[in-house]
C-alpha atoms as a PDB file:
ATOM      1  CA  MET A   1     116.438  21.091  64.856  1.00  0.00           C
ATOM      2  CA  SER A   2     114.771  23.879  66.745  1.00  0.00           C
ATOM      3  CA  ILE A   3     111.110  24.077  66.330  1.00  0.00           C
ATOM      4  CA  LEU A   4     110.028  27.980  65.260  1.00  0.00           C
ATOM      5  CA  LEU A   5     106.676  29.570  66.606  1.00  0.00           C
ATOM      6  CA  ILE A   6     106.563  32.561  64.330  1.00  0.00           C
ATOM      7  CA  MET A   7     108.875  31.984  61.283  1.00  0.00           C
ATOM      8  CA  ASP A   8     109.006  33.906  57.873  1.00  0.00           C
ATOM      9  CA  PHE A   9     109.510  32.767  54.639  1.00  0.00           C
ATOM     10  CA  SER A  10     113.211  33.334  54.713  1.00  0.00           C
ATOM     11  CA  GLU A  11     113.326  31.329  57.554  1.00  0.00           C
ATOM     12  CA  TYR A  12     111.169  28.792  56.933  1.00  0.00           C
ATOM     13  CA  GLN A  13     112.715  28.288  52.952  1.00  0.00           C
ATOM     14  CA  LYS A  14     116.348  28.011  55.370  1.00  0.00           C
ATOM     15  CA  GLU A  15     115.013  25.192  56.717  1.00  0.00           C
ATOM     16  CA  ALA A  16     112.979  23.258  54.460  1.00  0.00           C
ATOM     17  CA  LYS A  17     116.349  23.321  51.890  1.00  0.00           C
ATOM     18  CA  LYS A  18     118.314  21.449  54.598  1.00  0.00           C
ATOM     19  CA  THR A  19     115.169  18.472  54.071  1.00  0.00           C
ATOM     20  CA  ILE A  20     116.032  18.151  50.024  1.00  0.00           C
ATOM     21  CA  GLN A  21     116.799  14.700  49.652  1.00  0.00           C
ATOM     22  CA  LYS A  22     119.043  13.474  46.972  1.00  0.00           C
ATOM     23  CA  TYR A  23     117.609  10.058  45.069  1.00  0.00           C
ATOM     24  CA  ASN A  24     119.008   7.193  43.586  1.00  0.00           C
ATOM     25  CA  ALA A  25     118.374   8.798  40.427  1.00  0.00           C
ATOM     26  CA  ASP A  26     120.764  10.925  37.690  1.00  0.00           C
ATOM     27  CA  GLU A  27     120.612  15.003  38.759  1.00  0.00           C
ATOM     28  CA  THR A  28     117.400  15.189  35.862  1.00  0.00           C
ATOM     29  CA  SER A  29     115.807  13.729  37.795  1.00  0.00           C
ATOM     30  CA  ASN A  30     116.099  14.889  41.347  1.00  0.00           C
ATOM     31  CA  ILE A  31     115.257  18.149  39.983  1.00  0.00           C
ATOM     32  CA  VAL A  32     112.095  17.275  38.132  1.00  0.00           C
ATOM     33  CA  ILE A  33     111.131  15.076  41.095  1.00  0.00           C
ATOM     34  CA  PRO A  34     109.951  18.161  43.062  1.00  0.00           C
ATOM     35  CA  TYR A  35     107.954  19.499  40.638  1.00  0.00           C
ATOM     36  CA  LEU A  36     106.154  15.755  40.465  1.00  0.00           C
ATOM     37  CA  GLY A  37     105.482  15.841  44.586  1.00  0.00           C
ATOM     38  CA  ILE A  38     103.791  19.469  43.831  1.00  0.00           C
ATOM     39  CA  ILE A  39     101.022  17.788  41.587  1.00  0.00           C
ATOM     40  CA  GLY A  40     100.720  15.159  43.829  1.00  0.00           C
ATOM     41  CA  GLU A  41     100.368  16.972  46.521  1.00  0.00           C
ATOM     42  CA  ALA A  42      98.318  19.256  44.957  1.00  0.00           C
ATOM     43  CA  GLY A  43      95.756  15.960  44.054  1.00  0.00           C
ATOM     44  CA  SER A  44      95.916  15.212  48.514  1.00  0.00           C
ATOM     45  CA  VAL A  45      94.516  18.622  49.014  1.00  0.00           C
ATOM     46  CA  VAL A  46      91.114  17.987  46.823  1.00  0.00           C
ATOM     47  CA  SER A  47      90.725  14.583  48.623  1.00  0.00           C
ATOM     48  CA  GLU A  48      90.691  16.468  51.945  1.00  0.00           C
ATOM     49  CA  LEU A  49      88.356  18.415  49.858  1.00  0.00           C
ATOM     50  CA  LYS A  50      86.619  15.592  48.760  1.00  0.00           C
ATOM     51  CA  LYS A  51      86.251  14.254  52.099  1.00  0.00           C
ATOM     52  CA  ARG A  52      84.571  17.537  53.859  1.00  0.00           C
ATOM     53  CA  LEU A  53      82.061  17.360  51.188  1.00  0.00           C
ATOM     54  CA  ARG A  54      81.246  13.638  51.296  1.00  0.00           C
ATOM     55  CA  ASP A  55      81.220  13.616  55.073  1.00  0.00           C
ATOM     56  CA  GLY A  56      80.278  17.082  56.332  1.00  0.00           C
ATOM     57  CA  LYS A  57      81.075  18.289  59.422  1.00  0.00           C
ATOM     58  CA  SER A  58      81.012  14.722  60.958  1.00  0.00           C
ATOM     59  CA  TYR A  59      84.834  15.475  59.376  1.00  0.00           C
ATOM     60  CA  SER A  60      86.245  16.906  62.350  1.00  0.00           C
ATOM     61  CA  ASN A  61      89.529  16.562  61.537  1.00  0.00           C
ATOM     62  CA  PHE A  62      89.379  18.479  58.360  1.00  0.00           C
ATOM     63  CA  LYS A  63      91.383  21.904  58.644  1.00  0.00           C
ATOM     64  CA  ASN A  64      93.597  20.046  60.442  1.00  0.00           C
ATOM     65  CA  LYS A  65      94.431  17.572  57.590  1.00  0.00           C
ATOM     66  CA  LEU A  66      93.963  20.353  54.715  1.00  0.00           C
ATOM     67  CA  LYS A  67      96.616  22.146  56.979  1.00  0.00           C
ATOM     68  CA  GLU A  68      98.978  19.390  56.729  1.00  0.00           C
ATOM     69  CA  GLU A  69      98.372  18.651  53.046  1.00  0.00           C
ATOM     70  CA  LEU A  70      98.942  22.613  52.365  1.00  0.00           C
ATOM     71  CA  GLY A  71     102.308  22.336  54.160  1.00  0.00           C
ATOM     72  CA  ASP A  72     103.624  19.788  52.120  1.00  0.00           C
ATOM     73  CA  VAL A  73     102.703  21.312  48.949  1.00  0.00           C
ATOM     74  CA  LEU A  74     104.441  24.916  50.788  1.00  0.00           C
ATOM     75  CA  TRP A  75     107.094  22.619  51.213  1.00  0.00           C
ATOM     76  CA  TYR A  76     107.519  21.502  47.450  1.00  0.00           C
ATOM     77  CA  ILE A  77     107.379  24.982  46.256  1.00  0.00           C
ATOM     78  CA  SER A  78     110.338  26.334  48.479  1.00  0.00           C
ATOM     79  CA  ALA A  79     112.371  23.210  47.393  1.00  0.00           C
ATOM     80  CA  ILE A  80     111.607  23.906  43.659  1.00  0.00           C
ATOM     81  CA  ALA A  81     111.923  27.818  44.416  1.00  0.00           C
ATOM     82  CA  SER A  82     115.715  26.661  46.234  1.00  0.00           C
ATOM     83  CA  GLN A  83     116.633  24.435  43.207  1.00  0.00           C
ATOM     84  CA  ASN A  84     116.583  27.639  41.113  1.00  0.00           C
ATOM     85  CA  GLY A  85     118.407  30.865  43.138  1.00  0.00           C
ATOM     86  CA  ILE A  86     114.874  31.875  44.195  1.00  0.00           C
ATOM     87  CA  SER A  87     113.678  33.179  47.243  1.00  0.00           C
ATOM     88  CA  LEU A  88     110.326  32.717  49.126  1.00  0.00           C
ATOM     89  CA  GLU A  89     109.591  36.610  49.964  1.00  0.00           C
ATOM     90  CA  ASP A  90     110.497  37.528  46.274  1.00  0.00           C
ATOM     91  CA  ILE A  91     107.520  35.007  45.597  1.00  0.00           C
ATOM     92  CA  ALA A  92     105.312  36.340  47.503  1.00  0.00           C
ATOM     93  CA  GLN A  93     105.976  39.886  46.972  1.00  0.00           C
ATOM     94  CA  GLU A  94     105.701  39.754  43.400  1.00  0.00           C
ATOM     95  CA  ASN A  95     102.486  37.435  43.384  1.00  0.00           C
ATOM     96  CA  ILE A  96     100.630  40.374  45.821  1.00  0.00           C
ATOM     97  CA  LYS A  97     102.101  42.772  43.811  1.00  0.00           C
ATOM     98  CA  LYS A  98     100.433  40.707  40.856  1.00  0.00           C
ATOM     99  CA  ILE A  99      97.136  40.240  42.552  1.00  0.00           C
ATOM    100  CA  GLU A 100      96.684  43.883  43.474  1.00  0.00           C
ATOM    101  CA  ASP A 101      96.781  45.482  39.536  1.00  0.00           C
ATOM    102  CA  ARG A 102      94.812  42.674  38.701  1.00  0.00           C
ATOM    103  CA  PHE A 103      91.962  42.652  41.052  1.00  0.00           C
ATOM    104  CA  VAL A 104      91.849  45.549  43.695  1.00  0.00           C
ATOM    105  CA  GLU A 105      88.997  48.627  43.503  1.00  0.00           C
ATOM    106  CA  ASP A 106      90.503  51.797  43.571  1.00  0.00           C
ATOM    107  CA  SER A 107      89.279  55.059  43.639  1.00  0.00           C
ATOM    108  CA  CYS A 108      89.738  58.148  41.012  1.00  0.00           C
ATOM    109  CA  ALA A 109      91.590  60.136  43.206  1.00  0.00           C
ATOM    110  CA  ILE A 110      94.173  57.236  43.203  1.00  0.00           C
ATOM    111  CA  TYR A 111      94.385  57.608  39.187  1.00  0.00           C
ATOM    112  CA  LYS A 112      97.368  58.859  37.534  1.00  0.00           C
ATOM    113  CA  ASP A 113      96.475  62.270  35.647  1.00  0.00           C
ATOM    114  CA  PHE A 114      98.609  62.224  32.553  1.00  0.00           C
ATOM    115  CA  ASP A 115      97.712  66.351  31.583  1.00  0.00           C
ATOM    116  CA  LYS A 116      99.100  67.145  34.725  1.00  0.00           C
ATOM    117  CA  ASP A 117     101.077  70.436  34.065  1.00  0.00           C
ATOM    118  CA  TYR A 118      99.683  70.944  30.974  1.00  0.00           C
ATOM    119  CA  PRO A 119      97.702  73.767  29.873  1.00  0.00           C
ATOM    120  CA  GLU A 120      94.024  73.472  29.306  1.00  0.00           C
ATOM    121  CA  GLU A 121      94.290  73.337  25.707  1.00  0.00           C
ATOM    122  CA  GLU A 122      96.618  70.053  25.257  1.00  0.00           C
ATOM    123  CA  SER A 123      94.347  68.702  28.108  1.00  0.00           C
ATOM    124  CA  LEU A 124      91.900  65.861  27.238  1.00  0.00           C
ATOM    125  CA  PRO A 125      88.484  67.344  28.629  1.00  0.00           C
ATOM    126  CA  GLU A 126      86.924  66.802  32.189  1.00  0.00           C
ATOM    127  CA  GLU A 127      83.709  66.143  30.561  1.00  0.00           C
ATOM    128  CA  PHE A 128      81.748  66.369  27.564  1.00  0.00           C
ATOM    129  CA  GLN A 129      78.948  64.794  25.706  1.00  0.00           C
ATOM    130  CA  VAL A 130      79.498  63.378  22.301  1.00  0.00           C
ATOM    131  CA  ALA A 131      76.282  61.678  19.936  1.00  0.00           C
ATOM    132  CA  PHE A 132      76.711  58.826  17.475  1.00  0.00           C
ATOM    133  CA  ILE A 133      74.587  60.050  13.994  1.00  0.00           C
ATOM    134  CA  PRO A 134      73.835  57.150  11.595  1.00  0.00           C
ATOM    135  CA  PHE A 135      73.482  57.341   8.479  1.00  0.00           C
ATOM    136  CA  GLU A 136      73.847  55.785   5.243  1.00  0.00           C
ATOM    137  CA  SER A 137      75.596  56.782   1.776  1.00  0.00           C
ATOM    138  CA  GLU A 138      76.225  54.857  -1.637  1.00  0.00           C
ATOM    139  CA  GLY A 139      74.231  51.942   0.682  1.00  0.00           C
ATOM    140  CA  LYS A 140      76.630  51.937   3.040  1.00  0.00           C
ATOM    141  CA  ASN A 141      75.831  52.108   6.825  1.00  0.00           C
ATOM    142  CA  LEU A 142      77.867  54.983   8.623  1.00  0.00           C
ATOM    143  CA  VAL A 143      78.257  56.640  11.905  1.00  0.00           C
ATOM    144  CA  LYS A 144      79.327  60.264  12.501  1.00  0.00           C
ATOM    145  CA  ILE A 145      80.583  61.465  15.474  1.00  0.00           C
ATOM    146  CA  VAL A 146      79.736  65.438  16.645  1.00  0.00           C
ATOM    147  CA  ASP A 147      80.530  67.174  20.049  1.00  0.00           C
ATOM    148  CA  TYR A 148      76.971  68.087  21.346  1.00  0.00           C
ATOM    149  CA  LYS A 149      77.434  71.180  22.338  1.00  0.00           C
ATOM    150  CA  THR A 150      79.152  72.363  19.790  1.00  0.00           C
ATOM    151  CA  LYS A 151      77.508  70.387  16.666  1.00  0.00           C
ATOM    152  CA  GLU A 152      81.328  70.270  15.524  1.00  0.00           C
ATOM    153  CA  LEU A 153      82.464  67.008  13.607  1.00  0.00           C
ATOM    154  CA  ILE A 154      84.592  64.808  15.238  1.00  0.00           C
ATOM    155  CA  GLY A 155      86.775  63.107  12.830  1.00  0.00           C
ATOM    156  CA  ASP A 156      85.844  61.774   9.722  1.00  0.00           C
ATOM    157  CA  PRO A 157      82.640  59.194   9.312  1.00  0.00           C
ATOM    158  CA  LEU A 158      83.170  55.618   9.864  1.00  0.00           C
ATOM    159  CA  SER A 159      81.811  52.244   8.237  1.00  0.00           C
ATOM    160  CA  ASP A 160      82.468  48.856   9.367  1.00  0.00           C
ATOM    161  CA  ASN A 161      84.930  48.248   6.913  1.00  0.00           C
ATOM    162  CA  ASN A 162      83.815  44.615   6.904  1.00  0.00           C
ATOM    163  CA  TYR A 163      81.441  42.412   4.574  1.00  0.00           C
ATOM    164  CA  GLU A 164      79.458  41.884   7.287  1.00  0.00           C
ATOM    165  CA  ASP A 165      77.095  44.853   9.439  1.00  0.00           C
ATOM    166  CA  ASP A 166      78.573  44.029  12.667  1.00  0.00           C
ATOM    167  CA  GLY A 167      78.692  47.525  14.567  1.00  0.00           C
ATOM    168  CA  TYR A 168      81.835  48.053  13.886  1.00  0.00           C
ATOM    169  CA  ARG A 169      81.194  51.748  12.768  1.00  0.00           C
ATOM    170  CA  PHE A 170      80.908  52.302  16.895  1.00  0.00           C
ATOM    171  CA  HIS A 171      84.422  51.684  17.992  1.00  0.00           C
ATOM    172  CA  ASP A 172      85.173  54.891  18.262  1.00  0.00           C
ATOM    173  CA  ILE A 173      83.682  54.437  21.884  1.00  0.00           C
ATOM    174  CA  PHE A 174      86.231  52.131  22.845  1.00  0.00           C
ATOM    175  CA  HIS A 175      88.487  55.314  22.459  1.00  0.00           C
ATOM    176  CA  TYR A 176      86.581  57.193  24.193  1.00  0.00           C
ATOM    177  CA  GLY A 177      85.678  54.903  26.833  1.00  0.00           C
ATOM    178  CA  TYR A 178      90.062  54.673  27.184  1.00  0.00           C
ATOM    179  CA  LEU A 179      89.773  58.855  27.659  1.00  0.00           C
ATOM    180  CA  ALA A 180      86.803  58.504  30.240  1.00  0.00           C
ATOM    181  CA  ASN A 181      87.853  55.410  32.195  1.00  0.00           C
ATOM    182  CA  LEU A 182      91.850  55.458  31.946  1.00  0.00           C
ATOM    183  CA  GLY A 183      92.577  59.432  31.330  1.00  0.00           C
ATOM    184  CA  TRP A 184      94.320  58.028  27.792  1.00  0.00           C
ATOM    185  CA  SER A 185      93.845  58.449  24.391  1.00  0.00           C
ATOM    186  CA  PRO A 186      96.334  59.561  21.979  1.00  0.00           C
ATOM    187  CA  VAL A 187      93.651  58.538  18.867  1.00  0.00           C
ATOM    188  CA  VAL A 188      91.215  61.293  20.935  1.00  0.00           C
ATOM    189  CA  ARG A 189      94.037  63.584  21.667  1.00  0.00           C
ATOM    190  CA  LYS A 190      94.295  64.271  18.152  1.00  0.00           C
ATOM    191  CA  LEU A 191      90.804  63.838  17.200  1.00  0.00           C
ATOM    192  CA  LEU A 192      90.322  66.660  20.220  1.00  0.00           C
ATOM    193  CA  LYS A 193      93.361  68.783  18.807  1.00  0.00           C
ATOM    194  CA  ARG A 194      94.988  68.338  22.546  1.00  0.00           C
ATOM    195  CA  LYS A 195      98.157  66.899  21.742  1.00  0.00           C
ATOM    196  CA  ARG A 196     100.849  67.868  23.722  1.00  0.00           C
ATOM    197  CA  LYS A 197     103.296  70.024  22.149  1.00  0.00           C
ATOM    198  CA  SER A 198     104.594  72.138  24.495  1.00  0.00           C
ATOM    199  CA  ASN A 199     106.519  68.595  25.291  1.00  0.00           C
ATOM    200  CA  PRO A 200     108.213  67.746  21.969  1.00  0.00           C
ATOM    201  CA  GLU A 201     109.341  64.281  23.090  1.00  0.00           C
ATOM    202  CA  ILE A 202     105.956  63.628  24.866  1.00  0.00           C
ATOM    203  CA  ASP A 203     104.380  64.973  21.773  1.00  0.00           C
ATOM    204  CA  GLU A 204     106.005  62.282  19.474  1.00  0.00           C
ATOM    205  CA  ASN A 205     106.554  59.464  21.693  1.00  0.00           C
ATOM    206  CA  GLU A 206     103.075  59.024  23.771  1.00  0.00           C
ATOM    207  CA  ASP A 207     100.695  61.603  21.606  1.00  0.00           C
ATOM    208  CA  GLY A 208     102.342  60.584  17.787  1.00  0.00           C
ATOM    209  CA  ALA A 209     101.370  58.079  14.987  1.00  0.00           C
ATOM    210  CA  ARG A 210     102.994  55.017  16.826  1.00  0.00           C
ATOM    211  CA  ALA A 211     100.495  55.220  20.024  1.00  0.00           C
ATOM    212  CA  GLN A 212      97.392  56.036  18.043  1.00  0.00           C
ATOM    213  CA  ILE A 213      98.735  52.907  16.468  1.00  0.00           C
ATOM    214  CA  ILE A 214      99.277  50.850  19.344  1.00  0.00           C
ATOM    215  CA  GLU A 215      95.729  52.135  20.572  1.00  0.00           C
ATOM    216  CA  GLU A 216      94.034  51.201  17.476  1.00  0.00           C
ATOM    217  CA  ILE A 217      95.802  47.715  18.420  1.00  0.00           C
ATOM    218  CA  VAL A 218      94.629  47.179  21.537  1.00  0.00           C
ATOM    219  CA  SER A 219      90.900  48.049  20.305  1.00  0.00           C
ATOM    220  CA  LEU A 220      90.967  45.581  17.539  1.00  0.00           C
ATOM    221  CA  LEU A 221      92.395  42.662  19.376  1.00  0.00           C
ATOM    222  CA  ILE A 222      90.050  42.949  22.377  1.00  0.00           C
ATOM    223  CA  TYR A 223      87.093  43.303  19.595  1.00  0.00           C
ATOM    224  CA  SER A 224      88.184  40.436  18.026  1.00  0.00           C
ATOM    225  CA  GLU A 225      88.322  38.292  21.076  1.00  0.00           C
ATOM    226  CA  SER A 226      84.972  39.837  22.320  1.00  0.00           C
ATOM    227  CA  LYS A 227      83.283  38.569  19.491  1.00  0.00           C
ATOM    228  CA  ASN A 228      83.657  34.731  20.777  1.00  0.00           C
ATOM    229  CA  HIS A 229      81.597  35.947  23.801  1.00  0.00           C
ATOM    230  CA  GLN A 230      78.622  37.982  22.318  1.00  0.00           C
ATOM    231  CA  LEU A 231      80.477  41.404  22.718  1.00  0.00           C
ATOM    232  CA  LEU A 232      80.611  40.719  26.226  1.00  0.00           C
ATOM    233  CA  LYS A 233      76.915  41.940  26.862  1.00  0.00           C
ATOM    234  CA  TYR A 234      77.006  39.929  30.042  1.00  0.00           C
ATOM    235  CA  SER A 235      80.021  39.688  31.598  1.00  0.00           C
ATOM    236  CA  LYS A 236      81.298  41.035  34.402  1.00  0.00           C
ATOM    237  CA  ASN A 237      85.075  40.338  34.072  1.00  0.00           C
ATOM    238  CA  ILE A 238      87.978  39.874  31.445  1.00  0.00           C
ATOM    239  CA  ASP A 239      90.010  37.166  30.719  1.00  0.00           C
ATOM    240  CA  THR A 240      92.790  37.959  32.847  1.00  0.00           C
ATOM    241  CA  THR A 241      95.519  36.441  29.757  1.00  0.00           C
ATOM    242  CA  LEU A 242      94.090  39.153  27.444  1.00  0.00           C
ATOM    243  CA  LEU A 243      94.441  42.080  30.189  1.00  0.00           C
ATOM    244  CA  GLY A 244      97.929  41.187  30.290  1.00  0.00           C
ATOM    245  CA  LEU A 245      98.948  40.731  26.798  1.00  0.00           C
ATOM    246  CA  VAL A 246      97.077  44.224  26.578  1.00  0.00           C
ATOM    247  CA  GLN A 247      99.434  45.654  29.238  1.00  0.00           C
ATOM    248  CA  ARG A 248     102.290  44.030  27.256  1.00  0.00           C
ATOM    249  CA  LEU A 249     101.148  46.006  24.433  1.00  0.00           C
ATOM    250  CA  VAL A 250     101.356  49.923  26.215  1.00  0.00           C
ATOM    251  CA  LYS A 251     104.526  48.662  28.152  1.00  0.00           C
ATOM    252  CA  THR A 252     106.313  51.599  26.462  1.00  0.00           C
ATOM    253  CA  LEU A 253     103.486  53.928  27.034  1.00  0.00           C
ATOM    254  CA  GLU A 254     102.270  56.104  29.684  1.00  0.00           C
ATOM    255  CA  VAL A 255      98.794  54.514  30.561  1.00  0.00           C
ATOM    256  CA  LYS A 256     101.681  51.429  31.804  1.00  0.00           C
ATOM    257  CA  GLU A 257     100.697  53.356  35.068  1.00  0.00           C
ATOM    258  CA  CYS A 258      96.846  51.635  34.760  1.00  0.00           C
ATOM    259  CA  THR A 259      96.198  48.647  36.755  1.00  0.00           C
ATOM    260  CA  ALA A 260      94.968  45.208  35.126  1.00  0.00           C
ATOM    261  CA  LYS A 261      91.730  46.385  37.092  1.00  0.00           C
ATOM    262  CA  GLN A 262      91.924  49.856  35.869  1.00  0.00           C
ATOM    263  CA  TRP A 263      92.333  48.504  31.766  1.00  0.00           C
ATOM    264  CA  GLU A 264      88.608  45.591  32.853  1.00  0.00           C
ATOM    265  CA  THR A 265      86.885  48.772  34.016  1.00  0.00           C
ATOM    266  CA  ALA A 266      87.236  50.905  31.144  1.00  0.00           C
ATOM    267  CA  ILE A 267      86.651  47.486  28.843  1.00  0.00           C
ATOM    268  CA  LEU A 268      83.022  46.414  30.311  1.00  0.00           C
ATOM    269  CA  ASN A 269      82.332  49.689  30.878  1.00  0.00           C
ATOM    270  CA  SER A 270      83.620  50.507  27.155  1.00  0.00           C
ATOM    271  CA  TYR A 271      81.343  47.603  25.520  1.00  0.00           C
ATOM    272  CA  LYS A 272      78.302  48.201  27.769  1.00  0.00           C
ATOM    273  CA  VAL A 273      77.973  51.615  25.760  1.00  0.00           C
ATOM    274  CA  PHE A 274      78.972  49.895  22.100  1.00  0.00           C
ATOM    275  CA  ASN A 275      76.301  47.227  23.093  1.00  0.00           C
ATOM    276  CA  GLU A 276      73.545  50.550  23.428  1.00  0.00           C
ATOM    277  CA  LEU A 277      74.791  52.205  20.317  1.00  0.00           C
ATOM    278  CA  ILE A 278      74.409  49.244  18.543  1.00  0.00           C
ATOM    279  CA  GLU A 279      70.839  48.323  19.703  1.00  0.00           C
ATOM    280  CA  ASN A 280      69.546  51.881  19.693  1.00  0.00           C
ATOM    281  CA  ASN A 281      71.388  52.468  16.154  1.00  0.00           C
ATOM    282  CA  GLY A 282      73.659  55.650  17.932  1.00  0.00           C
ATOM    283  CA  GLY A 283      72.540  58.360  20.482  1.00  0.00           C
ATOM    284  CA  ARG A 284      74.838  60.940  22.420  1.00  0.00           C
ATOM    285  CA  VAL A 285      77.493  60.087  25.263  1.00  0.00           C
ATOM    286  CA  LEU A 286      78.691  61.522  28.492  1.00  0.00           C
ATOM    287  CA  VAL A 287      82.531  60.837  28.526  1.00  0.00           C
ATOM    288  CA  SER A 288      83.318  61.974  32.029  1.00  0.00           C
ATOM    289  CA  LYS A 289      86.892  61.765  33.208  1.00  0.00           C
ATOM    290  CA  LYS A 290      86.431  63.309  36.171  1.00  0.00           C
ATOM    291  CA  ASN A 291      84.509  60.589  37.289  1.00  0.00           C
ATOM    292  CA  ARG A 292      86.237  57.701  35.396  1.00  0.00           C
ATOM    293  CA  ARG A 293      82.720  57.009  33.266  1.00  0.00           C
ATOM    294  CA  LEU A 294      81.501  56.673  29.904  1.00  0.00           C
ATOM    295  CA  ILE A 295      77.600  56.896  30.493  1.00  0.00           C
ATOM    296  CA  TYR A 296      74.995  56.188  27.711  1.00  0.00           C
ATOM    297  CA  LEU A 297      72.378  59.206  27.792  1.00  0.00           C
ATOM    298  CA  GLY A 298      70.224  57.750  24.979  1.00  0.00           C
ATOM    299  CA  LYS A 299      69.127  58.584  21.437  1.00  0.00           C
ATOM    300  CA  ASN A 300      69.848  62.085  20.387  1.00  0.00           C
END
């Protein structure tokens, strides 16, 4: 066999496939063996790290041995892919797409504009301020939200809807966070009377009741998980599994265009302000879609 000095994934997989062995076992065992092999080779990779940590720079062959062990891992990956009719190139491409969606930072300029081509009165505002004003009624802690400029009430006053005083009455900040960071929020569109009625299909499917319910479910799901992490007060990232679940919940909506990284930024930003509202029992917030940011401005 000729030695290929420059090899792409398809060439490697083609050559590696020729070396897949059939053992003296039943067909099922022959299929399972590469899966067991990849576990063993992964252990060998870790073993090289152990030697490097133990012996330090005196282990001068570390890179060569690591390269060898990683090559063995790659062979088993290729074997499993070949068994299942999957190309290594497809695996690599899908993986890059996945990790870019999850981790790559981006600028405001490349965010999807869901209000493009719609009149101003049907578009979410580029920037405005809202005030969360706490009050008591019949022994309950409530909060009302008003447009800071016009002093108009936005929606109905909210309580925690819970036996405990857990601050969930401030949860509308999550919807304003989605607006600011993602340029999306069917709930806020309804509250601000900014539904895109000029397009009946968009009005029904993107701005209607079902989309609003999905947004509320997303908010409640994240809140339920955040309670196990001190309401994300000290968190710098969001669990990838949770982000994936959020993306699956919104996969039929326009916001599916937003990446996992954008969702992570929106959630962390929203919870930062949410915690500030709880700590200060209300306050004024800047909602800036044009700068993709939610900012707590202090007490009213």
